């Protein structure tokens, strides 16, 4: 499978942050498998690279898996080192708090919306989601040729929109904002109430009154859509 995440973050044609410097860090095999240990090494490399270059940095992590305290802490450690970490909320249509690193306390966990402004059917949801971004039919650069584009769907496509927005924000600041300041900027500037997430006053409200855990968790999904001021 081709991965278009980087071109969404900072591609010259379709990227959010077209002037960003991209640093590719491979932590999984070509078939998408890998270990938490290798992912940890990749995170460490990215953090150290930013320090070495004295650069403002954001890490996009369009991957995830089952709940893992070790994985969560690797991501939290990067944030404590001053690097904002944006992660995919997951594509199980379930509670994001059941997967890592989406449930990690200090990351920015991104759910996906579709072209109808609905929360994408596959997107994870719940209290561990921090923001929503487009994640259905996202066009990006092909990785196996030097031309053309390809469309994919997933929270792995939503997260790089947010990472790109963070890169633009960082680039526009004279200093180096902390991850907490980045989070505040995202939350303050996000468009509220634009996505059809079930709440007491929106379609699907009956879902909020059920005792079905997965259904009820949707009602606690933050309704903040990424906005970059365009």
N, C-alpha and C. Protein backbone atom coordinates (compact mmCIF):
# COMPACT_ATOMS: atom_id res chain seq x y z
N UNK A 1 0.84 -1.20 0.00
CA UNK A 1 0.00 0.00 0.00
C UNK A 1 0.87 1.25 0.00
N UNK A 2 0.52 2.21 -0.83
CA UNK A 2 1.21 3.48 -0.82
C UNK A 2 0.76 4.30 0.38
N UNK A 3 1.68 5.02 0.98
CA UNK A 3 1.34 5.90 2.08
C UNK A 3 1.54 7.34 1.66
N UNK A 4 0.52 8.16 1.83
CA UNK A 4 0.55 9.53 1.32
C UNK A 4 0.63 10.55 2.44
N UNK A 5 0.85 10.08 3.67
CA UNK A 5 0.80 10.96 4.84
C UNK A 5 1.71 12.17 4.69
N UNK A 6 2.96 11.93 4.28
CA UNK A 6 3.94 13.03 4.21
C UNK A 6 3.51 14.10 3.23
N UNK A 7 2.92 13.70 2.10
CA UNK A 7 2.51 14.70 1.11
C UNK A 7 1.34 15.53 1.62
N UNK A 8 0.55 14.98 2.54
CA UNK A 8 -0.53 15.75 3.15
C UNK A 8 0.03 16.75 4.15
N UNK A 9 1.04 16.33 4.89
CA UNK A 9 1.67 17.25 5.85
C UNK A 9 2.34 18.41 5.12
N UNK A 10 3.23 18.08 4.16
CA UNK A 10 4.05 19.13 3.59
C UNK A 10 4.40 18.99 2.13
N UNK A 11 3.55 18.32 1.35
CA UNK A 11 3.80 18.20 -0.08
C UNK A 11 3.73 19.54 -0.79
N UNK A 12 4.48 19.70 -1.85
CA UNK A 12 4.51 20.98 -2.55
C UNK A 12 3.23 21.27 -3.32
N UNK A 13 2.46 20.23 -3.63
CA UNK A 13 1.21 20.42 -4.37
C UNK A 13 -0.01 20.32 -3.47
N UNK A 14 -0.08 19.27 -2.64
CA UNK A 14 -1.27 19.01 -1.85
C UNK A 14 -1.05 19.16 -0.35
N UNK A 15 0.14 19.56 0.05
CA UNK A 15 0.44 19.64 1.47
C UNK A 15 -0.16 20.85 2.16
N UNK A 16 -0.41 20.70 3.45
CA UNK A 16 -0.89 21.82 4.25
C UNK A 16 0.24 22.81 4.51
N UNK A 17 1.41 22.28 4.86
CA UNK A 17 2.58 23.11 5.16
C UNK A 17 3.61 22.94 4.04
N UNK A 18 3.41 23.64 2.96
CA UNK A 18 4.22 23.42 1.76
C UNK A 18 5.69 23.81 1.92
N UNK A 19 5.99 24.60 2.92
CA UNK A 19 7.38 25.03 3.12
C UNK A 19 8.06 24.25 4.25
N UNK A 20 7.39 23.26 4.77
CA UNK A 20 7.97 22.48 5.87
C UNK A 20 9.11 21.59 5.37
N UNK A 21 10.05 21.33 6.24
CA UNK A 21 11.10 20.35 5.97
C UNK A 21 10.62 19.00 6.50
N UNK A 22 10.52 18.02 5.62
CA UNK A 22 10.03 16.70 6.01
C UNK A 22 11.20 15.79 6.34
N UNK A 23 11.08 15.07 7.44
CA UNK A 23 12.08 14.08 7.84
C UNK A 23 11.38 12.73 7.89
N UNK A 24 11.74 11.84 6.98
CA UNK A 24 11.10 10.52 6.91
C UNK A 24 11.77 9.57 7.89
N UNK A 25 10.97 8.93 8.72
CA UNK A 25 11.47 7.95 9.68
C UNK A 25 10.65 6.67 9.51
N UNK A 26 11.26 5.62 9.02
CA UNK A 26 10.55 4.37 8.77
C UNK A 26 10.62 3.49 10.02
N UNK A 27 9.46 3.13 10.56
CA UNK A 27 9.42 2.31 11.77
C UNK A 27 8.70 0.98 11.55
N UNK A 28 8.06 0.82 10.38
CA UNK A 28 7.35 -0.42 10.07
C UNK A 28 7.92 -1.02 8.79
N UNK A 29 7.68 -2.32 8.62
CA UNK A 29 8.09 -2.99 7.39
C UNK A 29 7.15 -2.60 6.26
N UNK A 30 7.47 -3.03 5.05
CA UNK A 30 6.64 -2.67 3.90
C UNK A 30 5.22 -3.21 4.01
N UNK A 31 5.03 -4.29 4.77
CA UNK A 31 3.69 -4.85 4.91
C UNK A 31 2.93 -4.24 6.10
N UNK A 32 3.52 -3.25 6.73
CA UNK A 32 2.84 -2.55 7.82
C UNK A 32 3.04 -3.15 9.19
N UNK A 33 3.86 -4.17 9.31
CA UNK A 33 4.10 -4.78 10.62
C UNK A 33 5.33 -4.16 11.27
N UNK A 34 5.41 -4.31 12.58
CA UNK A 34 6.55 -3.77 13.30
C UNK A 34 6.39 -3.92 14.79
N UNK A 35 7.38 -3.50 15.52
CA UNK A 35 7.38 -3.65 16.98
C UNK A 35 7.31 -2.28 17.65
N UNK A 36 6.80 -2.28 18.87
CA UNK A 36 6.77 -1.04 19.64
C UNK A 36 8.19 -0.53 19.88
N UNK A 37 9.12 -1.46 20.06
CA UNK A 37 10.52 -1.07 20.28
C UNK A 37 11.05 -0.26 19.10
N UNK A 38 10.78 -0.72 17.89
CA UNK A 38 11.25 0.00 16.70
C UNK A 38 10.57 1.36 16.56
N UNK A 39 9.29 1.39 16.90
CA UNK A 39 8.58 2.67 16.85
C UNK A 39 9.21 3.64 17.85
N UNK A 40 9.53 3.12 19.02
CA UNK A 40 10.19 3.95 20.03
C UNK A 40 11.51 4.52 19.55
N UNK A 41 12.28 3.69 18.84
CA UNK A 41 13.55 4.17 18.29
C UNK A 41 13.32 5.27 17.26
N UNK A 42 12.25 5.12 16.47
CA UNK A 42 11.92 6.14 15.49
C UNK A 42 11.54 7.46 16.13
N UNK A 43 10.75 7.38 17.20
CA UNK A 43 10.36 8.59 17.92
C UNK A 43 11.60 9.27 18.50
N UNK A 44 12.47 8.46 19.10
CA UNK A 44 13.70 8.99 19.68
C UNK A 44 14.56 9.68 18.62
N UNK A 45 14.64 9.05 17.45
CA UNK A 45 15.42 9.64 16.35
C UNK A 45 14.85 11.00 15.96
N UNK A 46 13.53 11.06 15.82
CA UNK A 46 12.90 12.31 15.39
C UNK A 46 13.11 13.42 16.41
N UNK A 47 12.98 13.09 17.68
CA UNK A 47 13.19 14.09 18.73
C UNK A 47 14.63 14.58 18.73
N UNK A 48 15.57 13.64 18.65
CA UNK A 48 16.99 14.02 18.65
C UNK A 48 17.37 14.81 17.41
N UNK A 49 16.75 14.48 16.27
CA UNK A 49 17.02 15.23 15.04
C UNK A 49 16.58 16.68 15.19
N UNK A 50 15.43 16.88 15.79
CA UNK A 50 14.94 18.25 16.00
C UNK A 50 15.88 19.01 16.93
N UNK A 51 16.35 18.33 17.98
CA UNK A 51 17.27 18.99 18.91
C UNK A 51 18.59 19.32 18.22
N UNK A 52 19.10 18.37 17.43
CA UNK A 52 20.39 18.57 16.76
C UNK A 52 20.34 19.77 15.83
N UNK A 53 19.21 19.94 15.14
CA UNK A 53 19.08 21.04 14.19
C UNK A 53 18.49 22.30 14.83
N UNK A 54 18.20 22.19 16.14
CA UNK A 54 17.56 23.31 16.84
C UNK A 54 16.32 23.77 16.09
N UNK A 55 15.52 22.79 15.68
CA UNK A 55 14.37 23.05 14.82
C UNK A 55 13.05 22.92 15.57
N UNK A 56 12.09 23.70 15.15
CA UNK A 56 10.72 23.49 15.61
C UNK A 56 10.21 22.23 14.94
N UNK A 57 9.47 21.40 15.66
CA UNK A 57 9.11 20.11 15.07
C UNK A 57 7.76 19.62 15.56
N UNK A 58 7.12 18.86 14.69
CA UNK A 58 5.91 18.12 15.02
C UNK A 58 6.07 16.73 14.42
N UNK A 59 5.66 15.73 15.17
CA UNK A 59 5.70 14.34 14.69
C UNK A 59 4.29 13.93 14.30
N UNK A 60 4.14 13.40 13.09
CA UNK A 60 2.88 12.78 12.68
C UNK A 60 3.03 11.27 12.79
N UNK A 61 2.10 10.64 13.50
CA UNK A 61 2.15 9.19 13.64
C UNK A 61 0.83 8.59 13.16
N UNK A 62 0.81 8.19 11.90
CA UNK A 62 -0.38 7.58 11.32
C UNK A 62 -0.30 6.07 11.46
N UNK A 63 -0.29 5.63 12.69
CA UNK A 63 -0.28 4.20 12.99
C UNK A 63 -0.79 4.01 14.40
N UNK A 64 -1.04 2.77 14.75
CA UNK A 64 -1.53 2.49 16.09
C UNK A 64 -1.87 1.03 16.25
N UNK A 65 -2.32 0.68 17.44
CA UNK A 65 -2.66 -0.70 17.72
C UNK A 65 -3.37 -0.80 19.06
N UNK A 66 -3.30 -1.97 19.66
CA UNK A 66 -3.95 -2.19 20.94
C UNK A 66 -3.35 -1.35 22.05
N UNK A 67 -4.07 -1.28 23.15
CA UNK A 67 -3.63 -0.47 24.28
C UNK A 67 -2.27 -0.95 24.79
N UNK A 68 -1.35 0.00 24.96
CA UNK A 68 0.00 -0.32 25.43
C UNK A 68 0.53 0.85 26.24
N UNK A 69 0.74 0.63 27.52
CA UNK A 69 1.29 1.69 28.37
C UNK A 69 2.67 2.10 27.90
N UNK A 70 3.47 1.13 27.47
CA UNK A 70 4.82 1.43 26.99
C UNK A 70 4.78 2.35 25.77
N UNK A 71 3.89 2.04 24.83
CA UNK A 71 3.74 2.86 23.62
C UNK A 71 3.29 4.26 24.00
N UNK A 72 2.30 4.34 24.89
CA UNK A 72 1.79 5.64 25.32
C UNK A 72 2.91 6.50 25.90
N UNK A 73 3.73 5.89 26.75
CA UNK A 73 4.77 6.66 27.42
C UNK A 73 5.87 7.11 26.46
N UNK A 74 6.15 6.31 25.44
CA UNK A 74 7.11 6.75 24.42
C UNK A 74 6.64 8.06 23.78
N UNK A 75 5.36 8.12 23.49
CA UNK A 75 4.80 9.31 22.85
C UNK A 75 4.74 10.48 23.84
N UNK A 76 4.33 10.19 25.07
CA UNK A 76 4.29 11.24 26.08
C UNK A 76 5.68 11.81 26.35
N UNK A 77 6.69 10.95 26.33
CA UNK A 77 8.07 11.40 26.56
C UNK A 77 8.50 12.39 25.48
N UNK A 78 8.11 12.11 24.22
CA UNK A 78 8.47 13.02 23.13
C UNK A 78 7.87 14.40 23.37
N UNK A 79 6.63 14.42 23.83
CA UNK A 79 5.96 15.69 24.11
C UNK A 79 6.66 16.41 25.26
N UNK A 80 7.07 15.66 26.27
CA UNK A 80 7.79 16.28 27.39
C UNK A 80 9.12 16.87 26.95
N UNK A 81 9.66 16.31 25.86
CA UNK A 81 10.91 16.84 25.30
C UNK A 81 10.66 18.07 24.42
N UNK A 82 9.39 18.45 24.28
CA UNK A 82 9.07 19.67 23.56
C UNK A 82 8.61 19.50 22.13
N UNK A 83 8.35 18.26 21.72
CA UNK A 83 7.91 18.00 20.35
C UNK A 83 6.43 17.62 20.35
N UNK A 84 5.62 18.38 19.65
CA UNK A 84 4.19 18.06 19.54
C UNK A 84 4.02 16.77 18.76
N UNK A 85 3.16 15.89 19.26
CA UNK A 85 2.93 14.61 18.59
C UNK A 85 1.46 14.50 18.20
N UNK A 86 1.22 14.34 16.90
CA UNK A 86 -0.13 14.19 16.36
C UNK A 86 -0.30 12.74 15.92
N UNK A 87 -1.39 12.10 16.36
CA UNK A 87 -1.57 10.67 16.06
C UNK A 87 -2.96 10.41 15.52
N UNK A 88 -3.08 9.33 14.78
CA UNK A 88 -4.38 8.89 14.27
C UNK A 88 -5.19 8.26 15.40
N UNK A 89 -6.48 8.59 15.46
CA UNK A 89 -7.34 8.05 16.52
C UNK A 89 -7.65 6.58 16.32
N UNK A 90 -7.53 6.08 15.08
CA UNK A 90 -7.81 4.67 14.81
C UNK A 90 -9.04 4.49 13.96
N UNK A 91 -9.09 3.35 13.28
CA UNK A 91 -10.13 3.09 12.28
C UNK A 91 -11.04 1.92 12.63
N UNK A 92 -11.23 1.66 13.91
CA UNK A 92 -12.05 0.52 14.34
C UNK A 92 -13.50 0.88 14.58
N UNK A 93 -13.85 2.15 14.43
CA UNK A 93 -15.20 2.59 14.76
C UNK A 93 -15.52 2.37 16.22
N UNK A 94 -14.49 2.48 17.06
CA UNK A 94 -14.62 2.15 18.47
C UNK A 94 -14.09 3.29 19.33
N UNK A 95 -14.01 3.04 20.62
CA UNK A 95 -13.51 4.03 21.57
C UNK A 95 -12.01 4.22 21.38
N UNK A 96 -11.60 5.43 21.06
CA UNK A 96 -10.17 5.71 20.87
C UNK A 96 -9.37 5.44 22.14
N UNK A 97 -10.03 5.47 23.28
CA UNK A 97 -9.33 5.22 24.54
C UNK A 97 -8.92 3.76 24.70
N UNK A 98 -9.31 2.91 23.75
CA UNK A 98 -8.94 1.49 23.82
C UNK A 98 -7.72 1.19 22.96
N UNK A 99 -7.14 2.21 22.31
CA UNK A 99 -6.01 1.98 21.41
C UNK A 99 -4.86 2.93 21.72
N UNK A 100 -3.67 2.49 21.39
CA UNK A 100 -2.47 3.32 21.55
C UNK A 100 -1.86 3.61 20.19
N UNK A 101 -1.30 4.79 20.01
CA UNK A 101 -1.10 5.84 21.03
C UNK A 101 -2.24 6.83 21.14
N UNK A 102 -3.40 6.55 20.54
CA UNK A 102 -4.50 7.51 20.56
C UNK A 102 -4.93 7.87 21.97
N UNK A 103 -4.76 6.93 22.90
CA UNK A 103 -5.21 7.18 24.28
C UNK A 103 -4.15 7.88 25.13
N UNK A 104 -2.94 8.05 24.61
CA UNK A 104 -1.86 8.67 25.38
C UNK A 104 -2.26 10.08 25.81
N UNK A 105 -1.92 10.44 27.03
CA UNK A 105 -2.43 11.67 27.63
C UNK A 105 -1.97 12.93 26.92
N UNK A 106 -0.76 12.94 26.39
CA UNK A 106 -0.17 14.19 25.91
C UNK A 106 -0.18 14.36 24.40
N UNK A 107 -0.65 13.36 23.66
CA UNK A 107 -0.68 13.46 22.20
C UNK A 107 -1.92 14.22 21.75
N UNK A 108 -1.95 14.60 20.49
CA UNK A 108 -3.15 15.16 19.87
C UNK A 108 -3.74 14.08 18.99
N UNK A 109 -4.85 13.53 19.42
CA UNK A 109 -5.48 12.38 18.76
C UNK A 109 -6.55 12.87 17.79
N UNK A 110 -6.46 12.42 16.53
CA UNK A 110 -7.28 12.99 15.46
C UNK A 110 -8.26 11.97 14.90
N UNK A 111 -9.54 12.30 14.96
CA UNK A 111 -10.59 11.50 14.32
C UNK A 111 -10.82 12.02 12.91
N UNK A 112 -11.59 11.27 12.11
CA UNK A 112 -11.79 11.61 10.70
C UNK A 112 -13.23 11.99 10.41
N UNK A 113 -13.39 13.00 9.55
CA UNK A 113 -14.71 13.38 9.05
C UNK A 113 -14.78 13.09 7.57
N UNK A 114 -16.02 13.07 7.03
CA UNK A 114 -16.19 12.84 5.59
C UNK A 114 -16.71 14.10 4.91
N UNK A 115 -17.00 14.01 3.61
CA UNK A 115 -17.41 15.18 2.84
C UNK A 115 -18.79 15.69 3.21
N UNK A 116 -19.56 14.90 3.94
CA UNK A 116 -20.90 15.33 4.38
C UNK A 116 -20.86 15.93 5.78
N UNK A 117 -19.66 16.11 6.30
CA UNK A 117 -19.46 16.63 7.65
C UNK A 117 -20.02 15.69 8.71
N UNK A 118 -19.97 14.41 8.40
CA UNK A 118 -20.26 13.38 9.40
C UNK A 118 -18.94 12.86 9.95
N UNK A 119 -18.96 12.36 11.17
CA UNK A 119 -17.82 11.61 11.66
C UNK A 119 -17.74 10.36 10.81
N UNK A 120 -16.59 10.10 10.21
CA UNK A 120 -16.46 8.95 9.31
C UNK A 120 -16.88 7.66 10.02
N UNK A 121 -17.55 6.79 9.29
CA UNK A 121 -18.11 5.58 9.90
C UNK A 121 -17.04 4.71 10.54
N UNK A 122 -15.83 4.73 9.99
CA UNK A 122 -14.76 3.89 10.51
C UNK A 122 -14.00 4.54 11.66
N UNK A 123 -14.18 5.84 11.84
CA UNK A 123 -13.32 6.57 12.77
C UNK A 123 -13.57 6.20 14.22
N UNK A 124 -12.51 6.04 14.97
CA UNK A 124 -12.65 5.92 16.41
C UNK A 124 -13.16 7.24 16.97
N UNK A 125 -13.65 7.20 18.18
CA UNK A 125 -14.32 8.36 18.76
C UNK A 125 -14.15 8.31 20.27
N UNK A 126 -14.84 9.20 20.97
CA UNK A 126 -14.83 9.18 22.43
C UNK A 126 -13.96 10.26 23.05
N UNK A 127 -13.80 10.16 24.35
CA UNK A 127 -13.12 11.19 25.14
C UNK A 127 -11.66 11.39 24.77
N UNK A 128 -11.04 10.38 24.19
CA UNK A 128 -9.61 10.49 23.87
C UNK A 128 -9.34 11.21 22.55
N UNK A 129 -10.39 11.55 21.81
CA UNK A 129 -10.23 12.34 20.58
C UNK A 129 -10.09 13.81 20.96
N UNK A 130 -9.10 14.47 20.36
CA UNK A 130 -8.85 15.89 20.64
C UNK A 130 -9.37 16.82 19.56
N UNK A 131 -9.42 16.34 18.32
CA UNK A 131 -9.82 17.18 17.20
C UNK A 131 -10.21 16.28 16.03
N UNK A 132 -10.97 16.82 15.09
CA UNK A 132 -11.42 16.08 13.91
C UNK A 132 -10.87 16.78 12.67
N UNK A 133 -10.50 15.99 11.66
CA UNK A 133 -10.00 16.55 10.40
C UNK A 133 -10.45 15.67 9.25
N UNK A 134 -10.44 16.18 8.01
CA UNK A 134 -10.86 15.38 6.86
C UNK A 134 -10.06 14.10 6.73
N UNK A 135 -10.78 12.98 6.50
CA UNK A 135 -10.09 11.71 6.42
C UNK A 135 -10.69 10.73 5.43
N UNK A 136 -11.55 11.19 4.54
CA UNK A 136 -12.17 10.31 3.55
C UNK A 136 -11.86 10.82 2.15
N UNK A 137 -11.32 9.94 1.32
CA UNK A 137 -10.99 10.30 -0.06
C UNK A 137 -9.94 11.38 -0.16
N UNK A 138 -8.95 11.32 0.72
CA UNK A 138 -7.90 12.34 0.73
C UNK A 138 -6.88 12.05 -0.37
N UNK A 139 -6.64 13.04 -1.21
CA UNK A 139 -5.67 12.90 -2.29
C UNK A 139 -4.26 13.22 -1.80
N UNK A 140 -3.31 12.41 -2.23
CA UNK A 140 -1.92 12.66 -1.90
C UNK A 140 -1.03 12.17 -3.02
N UNK A 141 0.25 12.49 -2.91
CA UNK A 141 1.21 12.10 -3.94
C UNK A 141 1.47 10.60 -3.91
N UNK A 142 1.60 10.01 -5.08
CA UNK A 142 2.00 8.60 -5.16
C UNK A 142 3.44 8.46 -4.68
N UNK A 143 3.71 7.34 -4.04
CA UNK A 143 5.05 7.11 -3.52
C UNK A 143 5.89 6.23 -4.43
N UNK A 144 5.26 5.53 -5.36
CA UNK A 144 6.00 4.59 -6.20
C UNK A 144 6.34 5.16 -7.57
N UNK A 145 5.88 6.38 -7.84
CA UNK A 145 6.23 7.08 -9.08
C UNK A 145 6.52 8.54 -8.73
N UNK A 146 7.01 9.28 -9.69
CA UNK A 146 7.31 10.69 -9.47
C UNK A 146 6.18 11.61 -9.92
N UNK A 147 5.04 11.02 -10.24
CA UNK A 147 3.91 11.84 -10.67
C UNK A 147 2.62 11.15 -10.28
N UNK A 148 1.53 11.90 -10.34
CA UNK A 148 0.22 11.32 -10.08
C UNK A 148 -0.17 11.39 -8.62
N UNK A 149 -1.43 11.11 -8.37
CA UNK A 149 -1.97 11.15 -7.01
C UNK A 149 -2.82 9.91 -6.76
N UNK A 150 -3.11 9.68 -5.51
CA UNK A 150 -3.93 8.54 -5.11
C UNK A 150 -4.76 8.97 -3.91
N UNK A 151 -5.95 8.41 -3.76
CA UNK A 151 -6.84 8.78 -2.66
C UNK A 151 -6.96 7.63 -1.67
N UNK A 152 -6.90 7.97 -0.40
CA UNK A 152 -7.10 6.99 0.66
C UNK A 152 -8.00 7.59 1.73
N UNK A 153 -8.55 6.71 2.55
CA UNK A 153 -9.39 7.14 3.66
C UNK A 153 -8.86 6.53 4.95
N UNK A 154 -9.02 7.27 6.04
CA UNK A 154 -8.60 6.76 7.34
C UNK A 154 -8.21 7.90 8.26
N UNK A 155 -8.15 7.60 9.55
CA UNK A 155 -7.64 8.61 10.47
C UNK A 155 -6.16 8.86 10.21
N UNK A 156 -5.51 7.93 9.51
CA UNK A 156 -4.12 8.14 9.09
C UNK A 156 -4.02 9.25 8.05
N UNK A 157 -5.12 9.57 7.40
CA UNK A 157 -5.16 10.70 6.47
C UNK A 157 -5.59 11.98 7.19
N UNK A 158 -6.35 11.83 8.27
CA UNK A 158 -6.79 13.00 9.03
C UNK A 158 -5.66 13.60 9.85
N UNK A 159 -4.87 12.75 10.49
CA UNK A 159 -3.79 13.23 11.36
C UNK A 159 -2.80 14.14 10.64
N UNK A 160 -2.36 13.81 9.41
CA UNK A 160 -1.40 14.70 8.77
C UNK A 160 -1.94 16.07 8.41
N UNK A 161 -3.26 16.21 8.27
CA UNK A 161 -3.82 17.55 8.11
C UNK A 161 -3.50 18.39 9.35
N UNK A 162 -3.68 17.78 10.51
CA UNK A 162 -3.42 18.50 11.76
C UNK A 162 -1.93 18.76 11.93
N UNK A 163 -1.11 17.75 11.63
CA UNK A 163 0.34 17.93 11.74
C UNK A 163 0.81 19.06 10.82
N UNK A 164 0.24 19.12 9.62
CA UNK A 164 0.59 20.20 8.70
C UNK A 164 0.19 21.56 9.23
N UNK A 165 -1.00 21.62 9.83
CA UNK A 165 -1.46 22.88 10.42
C UNK A 165 -0.53 23.32 11.55
N UNK A 166 -0.11 22.35 12.35
CA UNK A 166 0.83 22.65 13.44
C UNK A 166 2.14 23.18 12.87
N UNK A 167 2.62 22.57 11.79
CA UNK A 167 3.87 23.02 11.17
C UNK A 167 3.76 24.46 10.69
N UNK A 168 2.62 24.81 10.10
CA UNK A 168 2.40 26.19 9.65
C UNK A 168 2.43 27.13 10.85
N UNK A 169 1.73 26.75 11.90
CA UNK A 169 1.68 27.58 13.12
C UNK A 169 3.08 27.78 13.69
N UNK A 170 3.84 26.69 13.82
CA UNK A 170 5.19 26.79 14.36
C UNK A 170 6.06 27.70 13.50
N UNK A 171 5.92 27.55 12.18
CA UNK A 171 6.74 28.36 11.28
C UNK A 171 6.43 29.84 11.33
N UNK A 172 5.24 30.18 11.77
CA UNK A 172 4.84 31.58 11.83
C UNK A 172 5.18 32.26 13.15
N UNK A 173 5.72 31.48 14.10
CA UNK A 173 6.04 32.03 15.41
C UNK A 173 7.52 32.38 15.51
N UNK A 174 7.83 33.48 16.19
CA UNK A 174 9.22 33.87 16.35
C UNK A 174 9.96 32.95 17.31
N UNK A 175 9.25 32.45 18.30
CA UNK A 175 9.84 31.51 19.23
C UNK A 175 9.44 30.09 18.89
N UNK A 176 9.60 29.19 19.85
CA UNK A 176 9.23 27.79 19.66
C UNK A 176 8.14 27.42 20.66
N UNK A 177 6.87 27.51 20.26
CA UNK A 177 5.78 27.22 21.18
C UNK A 177 5.88 25.82 21.76
N UNK A 178 5.46 25.68 23.00
CA UNK A 178 5.44 24.37 23.65
C UNK A 178 4.29 23.55 23.09
N UNK A 179 4.34 22.22 23.27
CA UNK A 179 3.19 21.40 22.85
C UNK A 179 1.88 21.84 23.48
N UNK A 180 1.94 22.32 24.73
CA UNK A 180 0.72 22.80 25.38
C UNK A 180 0.17 24.03 24.67
N UNK A 181 1.06 24.91 24.23
CA UNK A 181 0.63 26.10 23.50
C UNK A 181 0.10 25.74 22.12
N UNK A 182 0.69 24.73 21.50
CA UNK A 182 0.18 24.26 20.21
C UNK A 182 -1.23 23.70 20.37
N UNK A 183 -1.42 22.90 21.40
CA UNK A 183 -2.75 22.33 21.66
C UNK A 183 -3.78 23.44 21.88
N UNK A 184 -3.40 24.44 22.66
CA UNK A 184 -4.31 25.55 22.93
C UNK A 184 -4.68 26.27 21.63
N UNK A 185 -3.69 26.47 20.75
CA UNK A 185 -3.96 27.14 19.48
C UNK A 185 -4.93 26.32 18.63
N UNK A 186 -4.71 25.02 18.55
CA UNK A 186 -5.60 24.16 17.77
C UNK A 186 -7.02 24.22 18.31
N UNK A 187 -7.16 24.09 19.62
CA UNK A 187 -8.49 24.04 20.23
C UNK A 187 -9.20 25.38 20.13
N UNK A 188 -8.45 26.47 20.29
CA UNK A 188 -9.06 27.80 20.25
C UNK A 188 -9.55 28.15 18.85
N UNK A 189 -8.79 27.74 17.84
CA UNK A 189 -9.12 28.11 16.46
C UNK A 189 -10.00 27.09 15.73
N UNK A 190 -10.22 25.94 16.32
CA UNK A 190 -11.05 24.92 15.68
C UNK A 190 -12.49 25.42 15.53
N UNK A 191 -13.16 24.92 14.50
CA UNK A 191 -14.57 25.24 14.28
C UNK A 191 -15.42 24.28 15.11
N UNK A 192 -16.23 24.82 15.99
CA UNK A 192 -17.03 23.98 16.89
C UNK A 192 -18.40 23.68 16.31
N UNK A 193 -18.88 22.47 16.58
CA UNK A 193 -20.24 22.09 16.24
C UNK A 193 -20.50 21.88 14.76
N UNK A 194 -19.47 21.68 13.96
CA UNK A 194 -19.64 21.54 12.51
C UNK A 194 -19.82 20.09 12.05
N UNK A 195 -19.44 19.14 12.87
CA UNK A 195 -19.48 17.74 12.48
C UNK A 195 -20.66 17.04 13.14
N UNK A 196 -21.29 16.15 12.40
CA UNK A 196 -22.46 15.44 12.91
C UNK A 196 -22.03 14.30 13.83
N UNK A 197 -21.66 14.70 15.04
CA UNK A 197 -21.35 13.75 16.10
C UNK A 197 -22.58 13.67 16.99
N UNK A 198 -23.07 12.48 17.33
CA UNK A 198 -24.27 12.38 18.16
C UNK A 198 -24.13 13.11 19.49
N UNK A 199 -25.09 13.99 19.76
CA UNK A 199 -25.19 14.64 21.06
C UNK A 199 -26.67 14.72 21.39
N UNK A 200 -26.99 15.29 22.51
CA UNK A 200 -28.39 15.37 22.91
C UNK A 200 -29.23 16.20 21.95
N UNK A 201 -28.60 17.07 21.15
CA UNK A 201 -29.36 17.96 20.27
C UNK A 201 -29.12 17.70 18.80
N UNK A 202 -28.46 16.58 18.45
CA UNK A 202 -28.14 16.31 17.05
C UNK A 202 -28.74 14.97 16.63
N UNK A 203 -28.81 14.74 15.31
CA UNK A 203 -29.25 13.43 14.84
C UNK A 203 -28.42 12.32 15.48
N UNK A 204 -29.10 11.28 15.90
CA UNK A 204 -28.40 10.20 16.58
C UNK A 204 -28.47 10.35 18.09
N UNK A 205 -29.28 11.32 18.55
CA UNK A 205 -29.35 11.56 19.98
C UNK A 205 -29.82 10.34 20.75
N UNK A 206 -30.66 9.52 20.09
CA UNK A 206 -31.14 8.32 20.77
C UNK A 206 -29.98 7.41 21.15
N UNK A 207 -28.92 7.47 20.34
CA UNK A 207 -27.72 6.70 20.64
C UNK A 207 -27.17 7.10 22.00
N UNK A 208 -27.26 8.39 22.31
CA UNK A 208 -26.69 8.89 23.55
C UNK A 208 -27.47 8.42 24.78
N UNK A 209 -28.67 7.95 24.56
CA UNK A 209 -29.48 7.51 25.69
C UNK A 209 -29.38 6.01 25.94
N UNK A 210 -28.63 5.31 25.09
CA UNK A 210 -28.52 3.87 25.25
C UNK A 210 -27.45 3.53 26.26
N UNK A 211 -27.43 2.29 26.65
CA UNK A 211 -26.39 1.81 27.57
C UNK A 211 -25.31 1.04 26.82
N UNK A 212 -25.43 1.00 25.48
CA UNK A 212 -24.40 0.34 24.69
C UNK A 212 -23.13 1.16 24.75
N UNK A 213 -22.06 0.58 25.26
CA UNK A 213 -20.84 1.35 25.56
C UNK A 213 -20.30 2.06 24.33
N UNK A 214 -20.15 1.34 23.22
CA UNK A 214 -19.53 1.94 22.05
C UNK A 214 -20.39 3.07 21.50
N UNK A 215 -21.70 2.87 21.52
CA UNK A 215 -22.61 3.90 21.02
C UNK A 215 -22.55 5.14 21.91
N UNK A 216 -22.64 4.94 23.21
CA UNK A 216 -22.66 6.06 24.13
C UNK A 216 -21.36 6.85 24.10
N UNK A 217 -20.25 6.17 23.86
CA UNK A 217 -18.97 6.87 23.82
C UNK A 217 -18.92 7.92 22.72
N UNK A 218 -19.65 7.72 21.63
CA UNK A 218 -19.67 8.71 20.55
C UNK A 218 -20.15 10.06 21.05
N UNK A 219 -21.02 10.03 22.05
CA UNK A 219 -21.60 11.27 22.56
C UNK A 219 -20.58 12.11 23.32
N UNK A 220 -19.44 11.52 23.63
CA UNK A 220 -18.39 12.25 24.35
C UNK A 220 -17.26 12.66 23.42
N UNK A 221 -17.48 12.54 22.10
CA UNK A 221 -16.46 12.95 21.14
C UNK A 221 -16.46 14.46 20.99
N UNK A 222 -15.29 15.07 21.12
CA UNK A 222 -15.18 16.51 20.96
C UNK A 222 -15.65 16.90 19.55
N UNK A 223 -16.43 17.98 19.46
CA UNK A 223 -16.91 18.42 18.15
C UNK A 223 -16.13 19.65 17.72
N UNK A 224 -14.85 19.45 17.45
CA UNK A 224 -13.96 20.52 17.02
C UNK A 224 -13.30 20.10 15.71
N UNK A 225 -13.56 20.85 14.65
CA UNK A 225 -13.01 20.57 13.33
C UNK A 225 -11.79 21.45 13.08
N UNK A 226 -10.72 20.85 12.60
CA UNK A 226 -9.51 21.60 12.30
C UNK A 226 -9.81 22.83 11.44
N UNK A 227 -9.24 23.96 11.83
CA UNK A 227 -9.37 25.19 11.05
C UNK A 227 -8.01 25.89 11.01
N UNK A 228 -7.57 26.26 9.82
CA UNK A 228 -6.24 26.86 9.68
C UNK A 228 -6.29 28.33 9.26
N UNK A 229 -7.48 28.91 9.29
CA UNK A 229 -7.58 30.34 9.03
C UNK A 229 -7.63 30.74 7.58
N UNK A 230 -7.93 29.81 6.68
CA UNK A 230 -7.99 30.14 5.26
C UNK A 230 -9.38 30.67 4.89
